[in-house]
């Protein structure tokens, strides 16, 4: 069924995250899903739900989209979904992309052993207005750097020392901004 929404928030978890209910992004989604304004829809997706996200966006017909992701979920949203939207809906902008220790990869639907390469960059297409990143360093898995181009603005770029990769979606400023964007009238 096609239903038009003013705003849509797409939440994409890291590898295997939806199966663990104590993660920050899953808890945030569950806390917001019944409270968001009637003009807003939010969806929770796994790190490889590319086709499902595109189908839901097609059905929801949003005027504005924001993305929030953790680990592989960030590359799903930035490397794959945003680029596809740029091709099929060039008039639709992604207002914000929030990254909790985003990890890049080359393939949308399976694990990429090269994603552990710390020199890899996640390339954000220019249909994203604002990029917000929270990263940690020192772990075998840690968030990659980003490459942006005009008119994208890199608004937030914070290094977090008190979280490991698996818990980066619990960083309070990340979750606060997810909630703020979802609850905006």
C-alpha atoms as a PDB file:
ATOM      1  CA  UNK A   1       0.000   0.000   0.000  1.00  0.00           C
ATOM      2  CA  UNK A   2       1.314   3.432  -0.900  1.00  0.00           C
ATOM      3  CA  UNK A   3       1.047   6.086   1.818  1.00  0.00           C
ATOM      4  CA  UNK A   4       2.721   9.490   1.522  1.00  0.00           C
ATOM      5  CA  UNK A   5       4.739  10.746   4.480  1.00  0.00           C
ATOM      6  CA  UNK A   6       6.418  14.110   4.965  1.00  0.00           C
ATOM      7  CA  UNK A   7       9.474  12.552   6.623  1.00  0.00           C
ATOM      8  CA  UNK A   8      10.939   9.056   6.738  1.00  0.00           C
ATOM      9  CA  UNK A   9      13.722   7.836   8.994  1.00  0.00           C
ATOM     10  CA  UNK A  10      15.646   4.741   7.942  1.00  0.00           C
ATOM     11  CA  UNK A  11      17.580   2.983  10.731  1.00  0.00           C
ATOM     12  CA  UNK A  12      20.109   0.357   9.593  1.00  0.00           C
ATOM     13  CA  UNK A  13      21.883  -1.815  12.128  1.00  0.00           C
ATOM     14  CA  UNK A  14      25.283  -3.421  12.017  1.00  0.00           C
ATOM     15  CA  UNK A  15      25.977  -7.058  11.306  1.00  0.00           C
ATOM     16  CA  UNK A  16      23.423  -9.180  13.186  1.00  0.00           C
ATOM     17  CA  UNK A  17      22.191  -6.330  15.383  1.00  0.00           C
ATOM     18  CA  UNK A  18      18.364  -6.689  15.112  1.00  0.00           C
ATOM     19  CA  UNK A  19      18.582 -10.044  16.836  1.00  0.00           C
ATOM     20  CA  UNK A  20      19.960  -8.375  19.967  1.00  0.00           C
ATOM     21  CA  UNK A  21      17.334  -6.156  21.523  1.00  0.00           C
ATOM     22  CA  UNK A  22      19.687  -4.291  23.835  1.00  0.00           C
ATOM     23  CA  UNK A  23      21.446  -2.287  21.114  1.00  0.00           C
ATOM     24  CA  UNK A  24      21.106   1.468  21.037  1.00  0.00           C
ATOM     25  CA  UNK A  25      19.564   1.817  17.579  1.00  0.00           C
ATOM     26  CA  UNK A  26      17.042  -1.001  18.144  1.00  0.00           C
ATOM     27  CA  UNK A  27      15.996   0.433  21.521  1.00  0.00           C
ATOM     28  CA  UNK A  28      15.742   3.900  20.005  1.00  0.00           C
ATOM     29  CA  UNK A  29      13.538   2.630  17.176  1.00  0.00           C
ATOM     30  CA  UNK A  30      11.267   0.721  19.578  1.00  0.00           C
ATOM     31  CA  UNK A  31      10.919   3.787  21.781  1.00  0.00           C
ATOM     32  CA  UNK A  32      10.049   6.053  18.863  1.00  0.00           C
ATOM     33  CA  UNK A  33       7.908   3.910  16.566  1.00  0.00           C
ATOM     34  CA  UNK A  34       4.631   4.680  18.371  1.00  0.00           C
ATOM     35  CA  UNK A  35       5.527   8.286  19.256  1.00  0.00           C
ATOM     36  CA  UNK A  36       6.635   9.848  15.962  1.00  0.00           C
ATOM     37  CA  UNK A  37       4.304  12.435  14.408  1.00  0.00           C
ATOM     38  CA  UNK A  38       1.624  11.053  12.071  1.00  0.00           C
ATOM     39  CA  UNK A  39       3.472  12.645   9.139  1.00  0.00           C
ATOM     40  CA  UNK A  40       6.617  10.613   9.879  1.00  0.00           C
ATOM     41  CA  UNK A  41       7.427   6.948   9.284  1.00  0.00           C
ATOM     42  CA  UNK A  42      10.483   5.153  10.619  1.00  0.00           C
ATOM     43  CA  UNK A  43      11.807   1.749   9.673  1.00  0.00           C
ATOM     44  CA  UNK A  44      14.375  -0.589  11.231  1.00  0.00           C
ATOM     45  CA  UNK A  45      16.479  -2.660   8.838  1.00  0.00           C
ATOM     46  CA  UNK A  46      19.363  -5.101   8.866  1.00  0.00           C
ATOM     47  CA  UNK A  47      22.731  -4.221   7.352  1.00  0.00           C
ATOM     48  CA  UNK A  48      21.797  -5.995   4.081  1.00  0.00           C
ATOM     49  CA  UNK A  49      18.104  -5.011   3.609  1.00  0.00           C
ATOM     50  CA  UNK A  50      18.789  -2.980   0.451  1.00  0.00           C
ATOM     51  CA  UNK A  51      15.753  -4.146  -1.566  1.00  0.00           C
ATOM     52  CA  UNK A  52      13.382  -3.837   1.400  1.00  0.00           C
ATOM     53  CA  UNK A  53      14.478  -0.251   2.109  1.00  0.00           C
ATOM     54  CA  UNK A  54      14.004   0.768  -1.517  1.00  0.00           C
ATOM     55  CA  UNK A  55      10.556  -0.874  -1.629  1.00  0.00           C
ATOM     56  CA  UNK A  56       9.455   0.860   1.583  1.00  0.00           C
ATOM     57  CA  UNK A  57      10.704   4.241   0.365  1.00  0.00           C
ATOM     58  CA  UNK A  58       8.811   3.720  -2.892  1.00  0.00           C
ATOM     59  CA  UNK A  59       5.629   2.949  -0.937  1.00  0.00           C
ATOM     60  CA  UNK A  60       6.066   5.784   1.563  1.00  0.00           C
ATOM     61  CA  UNK A  61       6.768   8.501  -1.066  1.00  0.00           C
ATOM     62  CA  UNK A  62       8.632  10.755   1.412  1.00  0.00           C
ATOM     63  CA  UNK A  63       9.370  14.406   0.894  1.00  0.00           C
ATOM     64  CA  UNK A  64      12.315  14.213   3.304  1.00  0.00           C
ATOM     65  CA  UNK A  65      14.513  11.286   4.357  1.00  0.00           C
ATOM     66  CA  UNK A  66      17.068  10.892   7.104  1.00  0.00           C
ATOM     67  CA  UNK A  67      19.354   7.927   7.711  1.00  0.00           C
ATOM     68  CA  UNK A  68      20.856   6.575  10.933  1.00  0.00           C
ATOM     69  CA  UNK A  69      23.183   3.596  10.837  1.00  0.00           C
ATOM     70  CA  UNK A  70      25.736   1.579  12.749  1.00  0.00           C
ATOM     71  CA  UNK A  71      28.749  -0.236  11.275  1.00  0.00           C
ATOM     72  CA  UNK A  72      27.745  -2.020   8.035  1.00  0.00           C
ATOM     73  CA  UNK A  73      24.379  -0.267   8.214  1.00  0.00           C
ATOM     74  CA  UNK A  74      26.126   3.027   7.393  1.00  0.00           C
ATOM     75  CA  UNK A  75      27.660   1.728   4.185  1.00  0.00           C
ATOM     76  CA  UNK A  76      24.279   0.229   3.236  1.00  0.00           C
ATOM     77  CA  UNK A  77      22.709   3.675   3.562  1.00  0.00           C
ATOM     78  CA  UNK A  78      25.542   5.814   2.177  1.00  0.00           C
ATOM     79  CA  UNK A  79      27.280   3.595  -0.366  1.00  0.00           C
ATOM     80  CA  UNK A  80      24.216   1.858  -1.759  1.00  0.00           C
ATOM     81  CA  UNK A  81      20.768   3.311  -0.886  1.00  0.00           C
ATOM     82  CA  UNK A  82      21.690   7.023  -1.198  1.00  0.00           C
ATOM     83  CA  UNK A  83      23.425   6.411  -4.521  1.00  0.00           C
ATOM     84  CA  UNK A  84      20.432   4.465  -5.857  1.00  0.00           C
ATOM     85  CA  UNK A  85      18.038   7.203  -4.734  1.00  0.00           C
ATOM     86  CA  UNK A  86      20.191   9.749  -6.541  1.00  0.00           C
ATOM     87  CA  UNK A  87      19.614   7.771  -9.745  1.00  0.00           C
ATOM     88  CA  UNK A  88      15.889   6.995  -9.414  1.00  0.00           C
ATOM     89  CA  UNK A  89      14.663  10.034  -7.424  1.00  0.00           C
ATOM     90  CA  UNK A  90      17.125  12.837  -8.188  1.00  0.00           C
ATOM     91  CA  UNK A  91      14.748  15.447  -6.693  1.00  0.00           C
ATOM     92  CA  UNK A  92      14.678  13.755  -3.251  1.00  0.00           C
ATOM     93  CA  UNK A  93      17.359  14.836  -0.767  1.00  0.00           C
ATOM     94  CA  UNK A  94      18.566  13.005   2.300  1.00  0.00           C
ATOM     95  CA  UNK A  95      18.564  15.667   4.989  1.00  0.00           C
ATOM     96  CA  UNK A  96      20.925  13.887   7.384  1.00  0.00           C
ATOM     97  CA  UNK A  97      23.050  10.752   7.499  1.00  0.00           C
ATOM     98  CA  UNK A  98      24.072   9.764  11.031  1.00  0.00           C
ATOM     99  CA  UNK A  99      26.933   7.292  11.352  1.00  0.00           C
ATOM    100  CA  UNK A 100      27.812   5.323  14.476  1.00  0.00           C
ATOM    101  CA  UNK A 101      31.234   3.857  13.610  1.00  0.00           C
ATOM    102  CA  UNK A 102      30.318   3.287   9.961  1.00  0.00           C
ATOM    103  CA  UNK A 103      32.227   0.531   8.152  1.00  0.00           C
ATOM    104  CA  UNK A 104      32.474   0.534   4.355  1.00  0.00           C
ATOM    105  CA  UNK A 105      32.174  -2.465   2.065  1.00  0.00           C
ATOM    106  CA  UNK A 106      32.076  -3.264  -1.627  1.00  0.00           C
ATOM    107  CA  UNK A 107      29.040  -5.541  -1.815  1.00  0.00           C
ATOM    108  CA  UNK A 108      25.545  -4.802  -0.565  1.00  0.00           C
ATOM    109  CA  UNK A 109      24.525  -8.296   0.497  1.00  0.00           C
ATOM    110  CA  UNK A 110      27.456 -10.118   2.054  1.00  0.00           C
ATOM    111  CA  UNK A 111      30.334  -9.644   4.463  1.00  0.00           C
ATOM    112  CA  UNK A 112      33.441  -8.087   2.946  1.00  0.00           C
ATOM    113  CA  UNK A 113      36.755  -9.219   4.478  1.00  0.00           C
ATOM    114  CA  UNK A 114      38.377  -6.072   3.090  1.00  0.00           C
ATOM    115  CA  UNK A 115      36.098  -3.954   5.290  1.00  0.00           C
ATOM    116  CA  UNK A 116      38.707  -4.276   8.046  1.00  0.00           C
ATOM    117  CA  UNK A 117      41.058  -2.112   5.959  1.00  0.00           C
ATOM    118  CA  UNK A 118      41.407   1.043   8.045  1.00  0.00           C
ATOM    119  CA  UNK A 119      42.293   3.147   4.966  1.00  0.00           C
ATOM    120  CA  UNK A 120      38.933   2.499   3.297  1.00  0.00           C
ATOM    121  CA  UNK A 121      36.545   5.439   2.861  1.00  0.00           C
ATOM    122  CA  UNK A 122      32.780   5.568   2.660  1.00  0.00           C
ATOM    123  CA  UNK A 123      31.869   7.827  -0.262  1.00  0.00           C
ATOM    124  CA  UNK A 124      28.762   9.886   0.435  1.00  0.00           C
ATOM    125  CA  UNK A 125      26.864  11.066  -2.658  1.00  0.00           C
ATOM    126  CA  UNK A 126      25.944  14.735  -2.920  1.00  0.00           C
ATOM    127  CA  UNK A 127      22.215  14.108  -2.402  1.00  0.00           C
ATOM    128  CA  UNK A 128      23.007  13.976   1.345  1.00  0.00           C
ATOM    129  CA  UNK A 129      22.767  17.426   2.931  1.00  0.00           C
ATOM    130  CA  UNK A 130      24.462  16.810   6.306  1.00  0.00           C
ATOM    131  CA  UNK A 131      26.794  14.082   7.564  1.00  0.00           C
ATOM    132  CA  UNK A 132      27.173  13.362  11.291  1.00  0.00           C
ATOM    133  CA  UNK A 133      29.790  10.845  12.423  1.00  0.00           C
ATOM    134  CA  UNK A 134      30.785   9.287  15.734  1.00  0.00           C
ATOM    135  CA  UNK A 135      33.810   6.996  15.587  1.00  0.00           C
ATOM    136  CA  UNK A 136      36.127   5.100  17.898  1.00  0.00           C
ATOM    137  CA  UNK A 137      39.656   3.964  17.184  1.00  0.00           C
ATOM    138  CA  UNK A 138      41.936   1.264  18.449  1.00  0.00           C
ATOM    139  CA  UNK A 139      39.604  -1.693  17.940  1.00  0.00           C
ATOM    140  CA  UNK A 140      40.171  -4.296  15.205  1.00  0.00           C
ATOM    141  CA  UNK A 141      36.889  -2.988  13.758  1.00  0.00           C
ATOM    142  CA  UNK A 142      36.567   0.776  13.782  1.00  0.00           C
ATOM    143  CA  UNK A 143      34.698   3.374  11.784  1.00  0.00           C
ATOM    144  CA  UNK A 144      36.082   4.370   8.417  1.00  0.00           C
ATOM    145  CA  UNK A 145      36.727   7.838   7.129  1.00  0.00           C
ATOM    146  CA  UNK A 146      34.306   9.505   4.724  1.00  0.00           C
ATOM    147  CA  UNK A 147      34.606  11.278   1.428  1.00  0.00           C
ATOM    148  CA  UNK A 148      32.047  13.967   0.697  1.00  0.00           C
ATOM    149  CA  UNK A 149      31.478  16.469  -2.092  1.00  0.00           C
ATOM    150  CA  UNK A 150      29.518  19.701  -2.385  1.00  0.00           C
ATOM    151  CA  UNK A 151      26.881  20.478  -1.267  1.00  0.00           C
ATOM    152  CA  UNK A 152      27.159  17.872   1.541  1.00  0.00           C
ATOM    153  CA  UNK A 153      28.278  19.389   4.849  1.00  0.00           C
ATOM    154  CA  UNK A 154      30.157  17.332   7.440  1.00  0.00           C
ATOM    155  CA  UNK A 155      28.476  18.784  10.526  1.00  0.00           C
ATOM    156  CA  UNK A 156      29.504  16.393  13.302  1.00  0.00           C
ATOM    157  CA  UNK A 157      32.804  14.497  13.430  1.00  0.00           C
ATOM    158  CA  UNK A 158      33.355  13.197  16.963  1.00  0.00           C
ATOM    159  CA  UNK A 159      35.851  10.673  18.268  1.00  0.00           C
ATOM    160  CA  UNK A 160      34.460   8.584  21.124  1.00  0.00           C
ATOM    161  CA  UNK A 161      36.910   7.021  23.565  1.00  0.00           C
ATOM    162  CA  UNK A 162      34.557   5.276  25.979  1.00  0.00           C
ATOM    163  CA  UNK A 163      32.806   2.833  23.587  1.00  0.00           C
ATOM    164  CA  UNK A 164      33.886  -0.196  21.615  1.00  0.00           C
ATOM    165  CA  UNK A 165      32.713  -0.777  18.035  1.00  0.00           C
ATOM    166  CA  UNK A 166      29.796  -3.035  18.987  1.00  0.00           C
ATOM    167  CA  UNK A 167      28.324  -0.403  21.342  1.00  0.00           C
ATOM    168  CA  UNK A 168      28.819   2.732  19.243  1.00  0.00           C
ATOM    169  CA  UNK A 169      25.088   2.889  18.507  1.00  0.00           C
ATOM    170  CA  UNK A 170      24.621   3.660  22.219  1.00  0.00           C
ATOM    171  CA  UNK A 171      26.539   6.950  22.077  1.00  0.00           C
ATOM    172  CA  UNK A 172      24.194   9.516  23.623  1.00  0.00           C
ATOM    173  CA  UNK A 173      24.700  12.409  21.142  1.00  0.00           C
ATOM    174  CA  UNK A 174      24.051   9.972  18.242  1.00  0.00           C
ATOM    175  CA  UNK A 175      20.808   8.705  19.818  1.00  0.00           C
ATOM    176  CA  UNK A 176      19.725  12.221  20.820  1.00  0.00           C
ATOM    177  CA  UNK A 177      20.038  13.426  17.215  1.00  0.00           C
ATOM    178  CA  UNK A 178      18.184  10.353  15.887  1.00  0.00           C
ATOM    179  CA  UNK A 179      15.314  11.124  18.275  1.00  0.00           C
ATOM    180  CA  UNK A 180      15.359  14.845  17.465  1.00  0.00           C
ATOM    181  CA  UNK A 181      15.092  14.175  13.733  1.00  0.00           C
ATOM    182  CA  UNK A 182      12.354  11.559  14.160  1.00  0.00           C
ATOM    183  CA  UNK A 183      10.230  13.747  16.437  1.00  0.00           C
ATOM    184  CA  UNK A 184      10.515  16.945  14.418  1.00  0.00           C
ATOM    185  CA  UNK A 185       7.004  18.190  13.525  1.00  0.00           C
END
